[in-house]
Amino acid sequence: HGRSAREVGIAYCQGTPLRTEIEERDATLLGDATVKAVRALTERFGKNKPRGKIQAHVVKAIK
């Protein structure tokens, strides 16, 4: 849980493997992606204390 939608958006875009995905496409877009994530989270959950869980499935394929 984050203290704000802003905190959650920053953590998600800049503190998870999503950061690498964004930077591999275009490193200059990290800030814009973060702003858009914060905006979307704020619209959905309001400014204060969004609640929820983050999950990931990591898959490794070996040929």
C-alpha atoms as a PDB file:
ATOM      1  CA  HIS A   1       0.000   0.000   0.000  1.00  0.00           C
ATOM      2  CA  GLY A   2       1.234   3.459  -0.784  1.00  0.00           C
ATOM      3  CA  ARG A   3       0.686   6.743   0.966  1.00  0.00           C
ATOM      4  CA  SER A   4      -0.530   8.318  -2.267  1.00  0.00           C
ATOM      5  CA  ALA A   5      -1.268   7.552  -5.902  1.00  0.00           C
ATOM      6  CA  ARG A   6       1.903   9.476  -6.752  1.00  0.00           C
ATOM      7  CA  GLU A   7       4.028   7.250  -4.523  1.00  0.00           C
ATOM      8  CA  VAL A   8       2.527   4.091  -6.023  1.00  0.00           C
ATOM      9  CA  GLY A   9       2.984   5.334  -9.597  1.00  0.00           C
ATOM     10  CA  ILE A  10       6.628   6.202  -9.010  1.00  0.00           C
ATOM     11  CA  ALA A  11       7.298   2.906  -7.252  1.00  0.00           C
ATOM     12  CA  TYR A  12       5.645   0.887 -10.014  1.00  0.00           C
ATOM     13  CA  CYS A  13       7.289   2.652 -12.962  1.00  0.00           C
ATOM     14  CA  GLN A  14      10.693   3.225 -11.439  1.00  0.00           C
ATOM     15  CA  GLY A  15      11.083   0.489  -8.832  1.00  0.00           C
ATOM     16  CA  THR A  16       9.984  -2.659 -10.655  1.00  0.00           C
ATOM     17  CA  PRO A  17      11.124  -4.498 -13.792  1.00  0.00           C
ATOM     18  CA  LEU A  18       8.672  -2.272 -15.693  1.00  0.00           C
ATOM     19  CA  ARG A  19      11.388   0.410 -15.581  1.00  0.00           C
ATOM     20  CA  THR A  20      13.647  -1.764 -17.715  1.00  0.00           C
ATOM     21  CA  GLU A  21      10.830  -2.364 -20.192  1.00  0.00           C
ATOM     22  CA  ILE A  22      10.205   1.370 -20.533  1.00  0.00           C
ATOM     23  CA  GLU A  23      13.892   2.230 -20.838  1.00  0.00           C
ATOM     24  CA  GLU A  24      14.512  -0.477 -23.440  1.00  0.00           C
ATOM     25  CA  ARG A  25      11.888   1.154 -25.640  1.00  0.00           C
ATOM     26  CA  ASP A  26      13.032   4.741 -25.020  1.00  0.00           C
ATOM     27  CA  ALA A  27      14.829   5.819 -21.835  1.00  0.00           C
ATOM     28  CA  THR A  28      13.675   9.407 -22.293  1.00  0.00           C
ATOM     29  CA  LEU A  29      10.062   8.308 -21.744  1.00  0.00           C
ATOM     30  CA  LEU A  30      10.470   7.116 -18.140  1.00  0.00           C
ATOM     31  CA  GLY A  31       9.319  10.443 -16.708  1.00  0.00           C
ATOM     32  CA  ASP A  32       6.327  10.682 -19.042  1.00  0.00           C
ATOM     33  CA  ALA A  33       5.314   7.089 -18.333  1.00  0.00           C
ATOM     34  CA  THR A  34       5.510   7.776 -14.602  1.00  0.00           C
ATOM     35  CA  VAL A  35       3.357  10.908 -14.897  1.00  0.00           C
ATOM     36  CA  LYS A  36       0.748   9.002 -16.919  1.00  0.00           C
ATOM     37  CA  ALA A  37       0.705   6.158 -14.388  1.00  0.00           C
ATOM     38  CA  VAL A  38       0.260   8.601 -11.506  1.00  0.00           C
ATOM     39  CA  ARG A  39      -2.571  10.330 -13.382  1.00  0.00           C
ATOM     40  CA  ALA A  40      -4.336   7.027 -14.099  1.00  0.00           C
ATOM     41  CA  LEU A  41      -3.972   5.860 -10.496  1.00  0.00           C
ATOM     42  CA  THR A  42      -5.279   9.184  -9.188  1.00  0.00           C
ATOM     43  CA  GLU A  43      -8.312   9.038 -11.493  1.00  0.00           C
ATOM     44  CA  ARG A  44      -9.074   5.478 -10.447  1.00  0.00           C
ATOM     45  CA  PHE A  45      -8.319   5.574  -6.703  1.00  0.00           C
ATOM     46  CA  GLY A  46      -8.154   9.237  -5.692  1.00  0.00           C
ATOM     47  CA  LYS A  47      -5.094  11.006  -4.305  1.00  0.00           C
ATOM     48  CA  ASN A  48      -4.754   9.266  -0.961  1.00  0.00           C
ATOM     49  CA  LYS A  49      -3.830   5.739   0.090  1.00  0.00           C
ATOM     50  CA  PRO A  50      -4.638   3.493  -2.847  1.00  0.00           C
ATOM     51  CA  ARG A  51      -4.937  -0.126  -1.759  1.00  0.00           C
ATOM     52  CA  GLY A  52      -4.181  -3.226  -3.735  1.00  0.00           C
ATOM     53  CA  LYS A  53      -1.586  -5.831  -4.534  1.00  0.00           C
ATOM     54  CA  ILE A  54       0.955  -6.059  -7.282  1.00  0.00           C
ATOM     55  CA  GLN A  55       1.661  -9.460  -8.779  1.00  0.00           C
ATOM     56  CA  ALA A  56       3.983 -10.841 -11.390  1.00  0.00           C
ATOM     57  CA  HIS A  57       4.502 -14.106 -13.175  1.00  0.00           C
ATOM     58  CA  VAL A  58       8.098 -14.692 -14.177  1.00  0.00           C
ATOM     59  CA  VAL A  59       8.588 -17.224 -16.929  1.00  0.00           C
ATOM     60  CA  LYS A  60      11.873 -18.436 -18.343  1.00  0.00           C
ATOM     61  CA  ALA A  61      11.911 -20.370 -21.597  1.00  0.00           C
ATOM     62  CA  ILE A  62      14.872 -22.561 -22.412  1.00  0.00           C
ATOM     63  CA  LYS A  63      15.341 -23.836 -25.912  1.00  0.00           C
END
